[in-house]
Amino acid sequence: MNKVFVLVLALAGLAVLVPNTREQITQLVGKIGSGGQQRTAQHALKFIASDIRQAAAETGAYPASGALRAWLEQRGRGGEDPWGSSYYFELSADSFVVGSPGPDSRLRTDDDLRLAERRLVAKPGVMIIDHQPTPPPSSAKRTAITKIREAGER
């Protein structure tokens, strides 16, 4: 810790004494700070994923994809990443993802932070509820179902 303090103090002194280095030092310090925010967000994603796994094991339910922030706030956790954006949750058949939009605050860009986890396997007698609407059948299945119904109506 002392070494970091001495380094910061030396950079501050250099910035004061040599004006043309101020911009470079400011950019360097900004990158260091950004790395800290990313580590903070990654750490938070691990805790969020752990909370989701634990809640799913206890209740059999996953949070709704659009309601992660409210779900986190009910549990006394903040729902915002270090850049002020809401964390997000995606659920699929065999896994779930918790994520942060990252520094640019836009979803699905290169700076997003994401953590994927395997979904719980239901134990006999336990129903896993995922609060996700069932997707519509594919057009091929819909066509086959329609043909069967039409044949039955004749």
N, C-alpha and C. Protein backbone atom coordinates (compact mmCIF):
# COMPACT_ATOMS: atom_id res chain seq x y z
N MET A 1 0.83 -1.19 0.00
CA MET A 1 0.00 0.00 0.00
C MET A 1 0.87 1.25 0.00
N ASN A 2 1.96 1.21 0.74
CA ASN A 2 2.86 2.36 0.80
C ASN A 2 3.47 2.66 -0.57
N LYS A 3 3.76 1.60 -1.33
CA LYS A 3 4.34 1.79 -2.66
C LYS A 3 3.38 2.51 -3.59
N VAL A 4 2.10 2.16 -3.50
CA VAL A 4 1.08 2.81 -4.33
C VAL A 4 0.99 4.29 -3.97
N PHE A 5 1.00 4.58 -2.68
CA PHE A 5 0.92 5.97 -2.23
C PHE A 5 2.11 6.78 -2.73
N VAL A 6 3.30 6.20 -2.64
CA VAL A 6 4.51 6.88 -3.10
C VAL A 6 4.43 7.11 -4.61
N LEU A 7 3.93 6.12 -5.36
CA LEU A 7 3.80 6.26 -6.81
C LEU A 7 2.83 7.39 -7.17
N VAL A 8 1.68 7.42 -6.50
CA VAL A 8 0.69 8.47 -6.75
C VAL A 8 1.27 9.84 -6.40
N LEU A 9 1.97 9.92 -5.29
CA LEU A 9 2.59 11.17 -4.87
C LEU A 9 3.63 11.64 -5.89
N ALA A 10 4.45 10.70 -6.40
CA ALA A 10 5.47 11.04 -7.39
C ALA A 10 4.82 11.51 -8.70
N LEU A 11 3.74 10.83 -9.14
CA LEU A 11 3.04 11.25 -10.35
C LEU A 11 2.42 12.64 -10.19
N ALA A 12 1.86 12.91 -9.02
CA ALA A 12 1.28 14.23 -8.76
C ALA A 12 2.36 15.31 -8.81
N GLY A 13 3.48 15.03 -8.19
CA GLY A 13 4.59 15.99 -8.21
C GLY A 13 5.10 16.24 -9.62
N LEU A 14 5.22 15.15 -10.40
CA LEU A 14 5.67 15.28 -11.78
C LEU A 14 4.69 16.11 -12.61
N ALA A 15 3.40 15.90 -12.37
CA ALA A 15 2.38 16.65 -13.09
C ALA A 15 2.44 18.13 -12.77
N VAL A 16 2.75 18.46 -11.53
CA VAL A 16 2.84 19.87 -11.13
C VAL A 16 4.10 20.51 -11.70
N LEU A 17 5.20 19.79 -11.66
CA LEU A 17 6.49 20.36 -12.08
C LEU A 17 6.68 20.40 -13.59
N VAL A 18 6.12 19.43 -14.29
CA VAL A 18 6.31 19.34 -15.75
C VAL A 18 4.93 19.40 -16.42
N PRO A 19 4.49 20.61 -16.81
CA PRO A 19 3.13 20.79 -17.33
C PRO A 19 2.78 19.90 -18.53
N ASN A 20 3.75 19.63 -19.43
CA ASN A 20 3.38 18.84 -20.61
C ASN A 20 3.16 17.35 -20.29
N THR A 21 3.40 16.91 -19.08
CA THR A 21 3.13 15.52 -18.69
C THR A 21 1.76 15.37 -18.04
N ARG A 22 1.10 16.47 -17.73
CA ARG A 22 -0.19 16.41 -17.01
C ARG A 22 -1.22 15.56 -17.75
N GLU A 23 -1.36 15.78 -19.03
CA GLU A 23 -2.36 15.04 -19.80
C GLU A 23 -2.07 13.54 -19.80
N GLN A 24 -0.81 13.17 -19.99
CA GLN A 24 -0.44 11.74 -19.99
C GLN A 24 -0.70 11.12 -18.62
N ILE A 25 -0.35 11.82 -17.57
CA ILE A 25 -0.56 11.30 -16.22
C ILE A 25 -2.05 11.20 -15.92
N THR A 26 -2.82 12.18 -16.35
CA THR A 26 -4.27 12.14 -16.15
C THR A 26 -4.88 10.94 -16.86
N GLN A 27 -4.44 10.64 -18.08
CA GLN A 27 -4.95 9.47 -18.81
C GLN A 27 -4.56 8.18 -18.10
N LEU A 28 -3.33 8.11 -17.59
CA LEU A 28 -2.87 6.91 -16.87
C LEU A 28 -3.69 6.69 -15.61
N VAL A 29 -3.90 7.73 -14.84
CA VAL A 29 -4.69 7.61 -13.61
C VAL A 29 -6.12 7.22 -13.94
N GLY A 30 -6.67 7.76 -15.03
CA GLY A 30 -8.03 7.39 -15.45
C GLY A 30 -8.13 5.91 -15.78
N LYS A 31 -7.11 5.36 -16.44
CA LYS A 31 -7.12 3.94 -16.77
C LYS A 31 -7.03 3.09 -15.51
N ILE A 32 -6.23 3.52 -14.56
CA ILE A 32 -6.11 2.78 -13.30
C ILE A 32 -7.45 2.78 -12.58
N GLY A 33 -8.12 3.95 -12.54
CA GLY A 33 -9.43 4.04 -11.89
C GLY A 33 -10.47 3.18 -12.59
N SER A 34 -10.43 3.15 -13.92
CA SER A 34 -11.37 2.33 -14.69
C SER A 34 -11.19 0.85 -14.38
N GLY A 35 -9.94 0.43 -14.22
CA GLY A 35 -9.67 -0.97 -13.87
C GLY A 35 -10.27 -1.32 -12.53
N GLY A 36 -10.24 -0.38 -11.60
CA GLY A 36 -10.85 -0.60 -10.29
C GLY A 36 -12.36 -0.75 -10.39
N GLN A 37 -12.98 0.06 -11.25
CA GLN A 37 -14.42 -0.05 -11.44
C GLN A 37 -14.79 -1.39 -12.06
N GLN A 38 -13.98 -1.85 -13.01
CA GLN A 38 -14.26 -3.14 -13.63
C GLN A 38 -14.12 -4.27 -12.61
N ARG A 39 -13.10 -4.21 -11.77
CA ARG A 39 -12.94 -5.24 -10.73
C ARG A 39 -14.12 -5.21 -9.76
N THR A 40 -14.57 -4.00 -9.42
CA THR A 40 -15.72 -3.86 -8.53
C THR A 40 -16.96 -4.49 -9.15
N ALA A 41 -17.19 -4.21 -10.43
CA ALA A 41 -18.36 -4.77 -11.12
C ALA A 41 -18.26 -6.28 -11.23
N GLN A 42 -17.08 -6.81 -11.56
CA GLN A 42 -16.92 -8.26 -11.66
C GLN A 42 -17.16 -8.93 -10.31
N HIS A 43 -16.68 -8.31 -9.26
CA HIS A 43 -16.89 -8.83 -7.90
C HIS A 43 -18.40 -8.85 -7.58
N ALA A 44 -19.07 -7.74 -7.93
CA ALA A 44 -20.52 -7.67 -7.69
C ALA A 44 -21.27 -8.74 -8.48
N LEU A 45 -20.85 -9.00 -9.73
CA LEU A 45 -21.51 -10.02 -10.54
C LEU A 45 -21.39 -11.39 -9.89
N LYS A 46 -20.24 -11.68 -9.29
CA LYS A 46 -20.07 -12.97 -8.60
C LYS A 46 -21.05 -13.09 -7.43
N PHE A 47 -21.20 -12.01 -6.66
CA PHE A 47 -22.14 -12.04 -5.54
C PHE A 47 -23.58 -12.14 -6.02
N ILE A 48 -23.92 -11.44 -7.08
CA ILE A 48 -25.28 -11.50 -7.62
C ILE A 48 -25.59 -12.92 -8.10
N ALA A 49 -24.66 -13.53 -8.84
CA ALA A 49 -24.86 -14.90 -9.32
C ALA A 49 -25.03 -15.86 -8.14
N SER A 50 -24.23 -15.66 -7.10
CA SER A 50 -24.34 -16.51 -5.91
C SER A 50 -25.71 -16.34 -5.25
N ASP A 51 -26.18 -15.10 -5.14
CA ASP A 51 -27.51 -14.85 -4.56
C ASP A 51 -28.60 -15.52 -5.39
N ILE A 52 -28.48 -15.44 -6.71
CA ILE A 52 -29.48 -16.04 -7.59
C ILE A 52 -29.49 -17.56 -7.43
N ARG A 53 -28.29 -18.17 -7.42
CA ARG A 53 -28.20 -19.63 -7.23
C ARG A 53 -28.83 -20.04 -5.90
N GLN A 54 -28.51 -19.30 -4.84
CA GLN A 54 -29.03 -19.63 -3.52
C GLN A 54 -30.54 -19.49 -3.48
N ALA A 55 -31.06 -18.40 -4.02
CA ALA A 55 -32.51 -18.20 -4.04
C ALA A 55 -33.21 -19.28 -4.85
N ALA A 56 -32.63 -19.66 -5.99
CA ALA A 56 -33.23 -20.71 -6.82
C ALA A 56 -33.22 -22.05 -6.08
N ALA A 57 -32.15 -22.32 -5.33
CA ALA A 57 -32.09 -23.57 -4.57
C ALA A 57 -33.13 -23.59 -3.45
N GLU A 58 -33.34 -22.43 -2.82
CA GLU A 58 -34.27 -22.37 -1.69
C GLU A 58 -35.73 -22.29 -2.13
N THR A 59 -36.01 -21.49 -3.17
CA THR A 59 -37.40 -21.24 -3.54
C THR A 59 -37.81 -21.90 -4.85
N GLY A 60 -36.83 -22.30 -5.65
CA GLY A 60 -37.15 -22.87 -6.96
C GLY A 60 -37.46 -21.81 -7.99
N ALA A 61 -37.23 -20.52 -7.67
CA ALA A 61 -37.57 -19.44 -8.60
C ALA A 61 -36.35 -18.61 -8.96
N TYR A 62 -36.31 -18.19 -10.20
CA TYR A 62 -35.30 -17.25 -10.69
C TYR A 62 -35.97 -15.89 -10.83
N PRO A 63 -35.21 -14.81 -10.72
CA PRO A 63 -35.82 -13.50 -10.94
C PRO A 63 -36.25 -13.33 -12.39
N ALA A 64 -37.21 -12.47 -12.61
CA ALA A 64 -37.61 -12.15 -13.98
C ALA A 64 -36.50 -11.35 -14.63
N SER A 65 -36.28 -11.57 -15.92
CA SER A 65 -35.18 -10.90 -16.62
C SER A 65 -35.21 -9.38 -16.49
N GLY A 66 -36.35 -8.78 -16.60
CA GLY A 66 -36.43 -7.32 -16.52
C GLY A 66 -36.53 -6.77 -15.13
N ALA A 67 -36.52 -7.62 -14.12
CA ALA A 67 -36.75 -7.16 -12.75
C ALA A 67 -35.57 -7.44 -11.82
N LEU A 68 -34.37 -7.58 -12.37
CA LEU A 68 -33.22 -7.89 -11.52
C LEU A 68 -32.95 -6.79 -10.51
N ARG A 69 -33.05 -5.55 -10.93
CA ARG A 69 -32.76 -4.43 -10.02
C ARG A 69 -33.68 -4.47 -8.80
N ALA A 70 -34.98 -4.64 -9.02
CA ALA A 70 -35.93 -4.72 -7.91
C ALA A 70 -35.65 -5.94 -7.05
N TRP A 71 -35.31 -7.06 -7.69
CA TRP A 71 -34.99 -8.29 -6.97
C TRP A 71 -33.78 -8.07 -6.06
N LEU A 72 -32.76 -7.39 -6.57
CA LEU A 72 -31.56 -7.11 -5.78
C LEU A 72 -31.87 -6.15 -4.64
N GLU A 73 -32.66 -5.12 -4.91
CA GLU A 73 -33.00 -4.15 -3.87
C GLU A 73 -33.81 -4.79 -2.75
N GLN A 74 -34.66 -5.77 -3.07
CA GLN A 74 -35.40 -6.49 -2.04
C GLN A 74 -34.46 -7.25 -1.10
N ARG A 75 -33.32 -7.63 -1.60
CA ARG A 75 -32.34 -8.36 -0.82
C ARG A 75 -31.27 -7.46 -0.21
N GLY A 76 -31.48 -6.16 -0.30
CA GLY A 76 -30.55 -5.22 0.31
C GLY A 76 -29.29 -4.97 -0.49
N ARG A 77 -29.30 -5.32 -1.75
CA ARG A 77 -28.15 -5.07 -2.63
C ARG A 77 -28.49 -3.93 -3.58
N GLY A 78 -27.45 -3.20 -3.97
CA GLY A 78 -27.65 -2.16 -4.97
C GLY A 78 -27.84 -2.80 -6.33
N GLY A 79 -28.62 -2.17 -7.16
CA GLY A 79 -28.88 -2.71 -8.49
C GLY A 79 -28.09 -2.03 -9.59
N GLU A 80 -27.15 -1.12 -9.21
CA GLU A 80 -26.39 -0.38 -10.22
C GLU A 80 -24.92 -0.77 -10.21
N ASP A 81 -24.34 -0.78 -11.41
CA ASP A 81 -22.91 -1.03 -11.55
C ASP A 81 -22.13 0.25 -11.22
N PRO A 82 -20.80 0.20 -11.19
CA PRO A 82 -20.02 1.40 -10.85
C PRO A 82 -20.21 2.58 -11.80
N TRP A 83 -20.78 2.36 -12.98
CA TRP A 83 -20.99 3.42 -13.95
C TRP A 83 -22.43 3.96 -13.92
N GLY A 84 -23.24 3.47 -12.97
CA GLY A 84 -24.60 3.98 -12.81
C GLY A 84 -25.67 3.27 -13.63
N SER A 85 -25.32 2.19 -14.32
CA SER A 85 -26.31 1.43 -15.10
C SER A 85 -26.80 0.24 -14.27
N SER A 86 -27.98 -0.25 -14.61
CA SER A 86 -28.53 -1.41 -13.91
C SER A 86 -27.85 -2.70 -14.38
N TYR A 87 -27.59 -3.59 -13.41
CA TYR A 87 -27.14 -4.92 -13.78
C TYR A 87 -28.29 -5.62 -14.50
N TYR A 88 -27.99 -6.61 -15.33
CA TYR A 88 -29.05 -7.32 -16.03
C TYR A 88 -28.91 -8.83 -15.83
N PHE A 89 -30.01 -9.52 -16.15
CA PHE A 89 -30.11 -10.97 -15.94
C PHE A 89 -30.75 -11.59 -17.17
N GLU A 90 -30.15 -12.67 -17.66
CA GLU A 90 -30.72 -13.42 -18.79
C GLU A 90 -30.77 -14.89 -18.39
N LEU A 91 -31.87 -15.53 -18.70
CA LEU A 91 -32.07 -16.93 -18.33
C LEU A 91 -32.29 -17.75 -19.59
N SER A 92 -31.58 -18.87 -19.71
CA SER A 92 -31.80 -19.78 -20.82
C SER A 92 -32.10 -21.16 -20.24
N ALA A 93 -32.27 -22.13 -21.10
CA ALA A 93 -32.68 -23.47 -20.67
C ALA A 93 -31.68 -24.12 -19.72
N ASP A 94 -30.38 -23.90 -19.93
CA ASP A 94 -29.39 -24.59 -19.10
C ASP A 94 -28.45 -23.66 -18.33
N SER A 95 -28.63 -22.34 -18.47
CA SER A 95 -27.73 -21.43 -17.79
C SER A 95 -28.40 -20.07 -17.56
N PHE A 96 -27.70 -19.24 -16.81
CA PHE A 96 -28.14 -17.86 -16.68
C PHE A 96 -26.91 -16.95 -16.74
N VAL A 97 -27.16 -15.70 -17.10
CA VAL A 97 -26.09 -14.72 -17.22
C VAL A 97 -26.48 -13.49 -16.41
N VAL A 98 -25.53 -12.99 -15.62
CA VAL A 98 -25.69 -11.68 -15.00
C VAL A 98 -24.64 -10.79 -15.64
N GLY A 99 -24.99 -9.53 -15.85
CA GLY A 99 -24.05 -8.67 -16.54
C GLY A 99 -24.20 -7.21 -16.20
N SER A 100 -23.20 -6.47 -16.66
CA SER A 100 -23.16 -5.03 -16.54
C SER A 100 -22.91 -4.46 -17.93
N PRO A 101 -23.60 -3.37 -18.29
CA PRO A 101 -23.35 -2.76 -19.59
C PRO A 101 -21.96 -2.15 -19.72
N GLY A 102 -21.24 -2.02 -18.63
CA GLY A 102 -19.88 -1.50 -18.68
C GLY A 102 -19.82 0.02 -18.76
N PRO A 103 -18.62 0.55 -19.00
CA PRO A 103 -18.42 2.01 -18.99
C PRO A 103 -19.28 2.79 -19.98
N ASP A 104 -19.61 2.20 -21.12
CA ASP A 104 -20.40 2.96 -22.10
C ASP A 104 -21.90 2.92 -21.82
N SER A 105 -22.32 2.14 -20.82
CA SER A 105 -23.73 2.03 -20.39
C SER A 105 -24.66 1.52 -21.48
N ARG A 106 -24.13 0.84 -22.50
CA ARG A 106 -24.95 0.27 -23.57
C ARG A 106 -24.81 -1.25 -23.53
N LEU A 107 -25.94 -1.93 -23.67
CA LEU A 107 -25.94 -3.39 -23.68
C LEU A 107 -25.36 -3.95 -24.96
N ARG A 108 -24.75 -5.11 -24.83
CA ARG A 108 -24.23 -5.89 -25.95
C ARG A 108 -23.18 -5.15 -26.76
N THR A 109 -22.24 -4.51 -26.07
CA THR A 109 -21.08 -3.90 -26.71
C THR A 109 -19.84 -4.58 -26.14
N ASP A 110 -18.70 -4.27 -26.71
CA ASP A 110 -17.46 -4.96 -26.34
C ASP A 110 -17.04 -4.75 -24.88
N ASP A 111 -17.49 -3.68 -24.26
CA ASP A 111 -17.04 -3.43 -22.88
C ASP A 111 -17.98 -4.01 -21.82
N ASP A 112 -19.02 -4.73 -22.23
CA ASP A 112 -19.92 -5.37 -21.26
C ASP A 112 -19.15 -6.37 -20.40
N LEU A 113 -19.57 -6.48 -19.16
CA LEU A 113 -19.03 -7.50 -18.26
C LEU A 113 -20.15 -8.52 -18.05
N ARG A 114 -19.84 -9.79 -18.28
CA ARG A 114 -20.86 -10.84 -18.18
C ARG A 114 -20.31 -12.02 -17.40
N LEU A 115 -21.18 -12.66 -16.64
CA LEU A 115 -20.81 -13.86 -15.90
C LEU A 115 -21.90 -14.90 -16.14
N ALA A 116 -21.53 -16.02 -16.74
CA ALA A 116 -22.48 -17.10 -17.03
C ALA A 116 -22.33 -18.19 -15.99
N GLU A 117 -23.45 -18.74 -15.56
CA GLU A 117 -23.48 -19.83 -14.58
C GLU A 117 -24.44 -20.91 -15.06
N ARG A 118 -24.14 -22.14 -14.70
CA ARG A 118 -25.07 -23.24 -14.99
C ARG A 118 -26.33 -23.07 -14.16
N ARG A 119 -27.41 -23.43 -14.79
CA ARG A 119 -28.70 -23.37 -14.11
C ARG A 119 -28.86 -24.59 -13.21
N LEU A 120 -29.61 -24.46 -12.14
CA LEU A 120 -29.85 -25.59 -11.25
C LEU A 120 -30.61 -26.69 -11.97
N VAL A 121 -30.30 -27.90 -11.64
CA VAL A 121 -31.04 -29.05 -12.14
C VAL A 121 -32.10 -29.36 -11.10
N ALA A 122 -33.33 -29.42 -11.54
CA ALA A 122 -34.43 -29.67 -10.60
C ALA A 122 -34.30 -31.03 -9.96
N LYS A 123 -34.47 -31.06 -8.65
CA LYS A 123 -34.48 -32.32 -7.91
C LYS A 123 -35.89 -32.90 -8.02
N PRO A 124 -36.02 -34.22 -7.89
CA PRO A 124 -37.36 -34.82 -7.96
C PRO A 124 -38.29 -34.16 -6.95
N GLY A 125 -39.45 -33.77 -7.41
CA GLY A 125 -40.44 -33.15 -6.55
C GLY A 125 -40.28 -31.65 -6.38
N VAL A 126 -39.23 -31.05 -6.96
CA VAL A 126 -39.02 -29.61 -6.86
C VAL A 126 -39.20 -29.00 -8.24
N MET A 127 -40.03 -27.99 -8.32
CA MET A 127 -40.25 -27.31 -9.59
C MET A 127 -39.42 -26.04 -9.63
N ILE A 128 -38.68 -25.85 -10.71
CA ILE A 128 -37.91 -24.62 -10.90
C ILE A 128 -38.77 -23.67 -11.72
N ILE A 129 -39.00 -22.48 -11.18
CA ILE A 129 -39.81 -21.47 -11.84
C ILE A 129 -38.87 -20.42 -12.40
N ASP A 130 -39.00 -20.11 -13.69
CA ASP A 130 -38.06 -19.16 -14.26
C ASP A 130 -38.69 -17.82 -14.64
N HIS A 131 -39.95 -17.63 -14.43
CA HIS A 131 -40.62 -16.36 -14.72
C HIS A 131 -40.40 -15.89 -16.15
N GLN A 132 -40.11 -16.77 -17.05
CA GLN A 132 -39.88 -16.39 -18.44
C GLN A 132 -41.07 -16.84 -19.27
N PRO A 133 -41.56 -15.99 -20.15
CA PRO A 133 -42.66 -16.44 -21.01
C PRO A 133 -42.15 -17.52 -21.96
N THR A 134 -43.02 -18.47 -22.24
CA THR A 134 -42.60 -19.52 -23.16
C THR A 134 -42.54 -18.95 -24.57
N PRO A 135 -41.48 -19.27 -25.29
CA PRO A 135 -41.36 -18.72 -26.65
C PRO A 135 -42.40 -19.34 -27.56
N PRO A 136 -42.83 -18.61 -28.57
CA PRO A 136 -43.80 -19.18 -29.51
C PRO A 136 -43.14 -20.31 -30.29
N PRO A 137 -43.92 -21.28 -30.72
CA PRO A 137 -43.32 -22.36 -31.51
C PRO A 137 -42.76 -21.80 -32.80
N SER A 138 -41.75 -22.48 -33.32
CA SER A 138 -41.15 -22.01 -34.57
C SER A 138 -42.19 -22.08 -35.68
N SER A 139 -41.95 -21.36 -36.75
CA SER A 139 -42.92 -21.34 -37.84
C SER A 139 -43.08 -22.73 -38.44
N ALA A 140 -42.00 -23.54 -38.44
CA ALA A 140 -42.10 -24.90 -38.98
C ALA A 140 -43.05 -25.72 -38.12
N LYS A 141 -42.93 -25.61 -36.80
CA LYS A 141 -43.81 -26.36 -35.91
C LYS A 141 -45.24 -25.84 -36.03
N ARG A 142 -45.39 -24.53 -36.11
CA ARG A 142 -46.70 -23.94 -36.23
C ARG A 142 -47.38 -24.44 -37.50
N THR A 143 -46.62 -24.53 -38.59
CA THR A 143 -47.17 -25.00 -39.85
C THR A 143 -47.61 -26.46 -39.72
N ALA A 144 -46.80 -27.28 -39.06
CA ALA A 144 -47.15 -28.68 -38.88
C ALA A 144 -48.39 -28.82 -38.01
N ILE A 145 -48.48 -28.02 -36.95
CA ILE A 145 -49.66 -28.08 -36.07
C ILE A 145 -50.90 -27.63 -36.84
N THR A 146 -50.76 -26.59 -37.62
CA THR A 146 -51.88 -26.09 -38.41
C THR A 146 -52.36 -27.15 -39.40
N LYS A 147 -51.44 -27.85 -40.04
CA LYS A 147 -51.81 -28.90 -40.99
C LYS A 147 -52.55 -30.03 -40.30
N ILE A 148 -52.11 -30.39 -39.11
CA ILE A 148 -52.78 -31.47 -38.36
C ILE A 148 -54.19 -31.03 -38.00
N ARG A 149 -54.34 -29.79 -37.52
CA ARG A 149 -55.68 -29.29 -37.16
C ARG A 149 -56.60 -29.25 -38.39
N GLU A 150 -56.06 -28.79 -39.50
CA GLU A 150 -56.87 -28.71 -40.73
C GLU A 150 -57.30 -30.11 -41.17
N ALA A 151 -56.40 -31.07 -41.05
CA ALA A 151 -56.73 -32.45 -41.44
C ALA A 151 -57.82 -33.01 -40.53
N GLY A 152 -57.76 -32.67 -39.23
CA GLY A 152 -58.76 -33.15 -38.28
C GLY A 152 -60.11 -32.52 -38.48
N GLU A 153 -60.15 -31.30 -39.01
CA GLU A 153 -61.41 -30.58 -39.24
C GLU A 153 -62.14 -31.09 -40.48
N ARG A 154 -61.45 -31.78 -41.37
CA ARG A 154 -62.07 -32.24 -42.62
C ARG A 154 -62.88 -33.47 -42.43
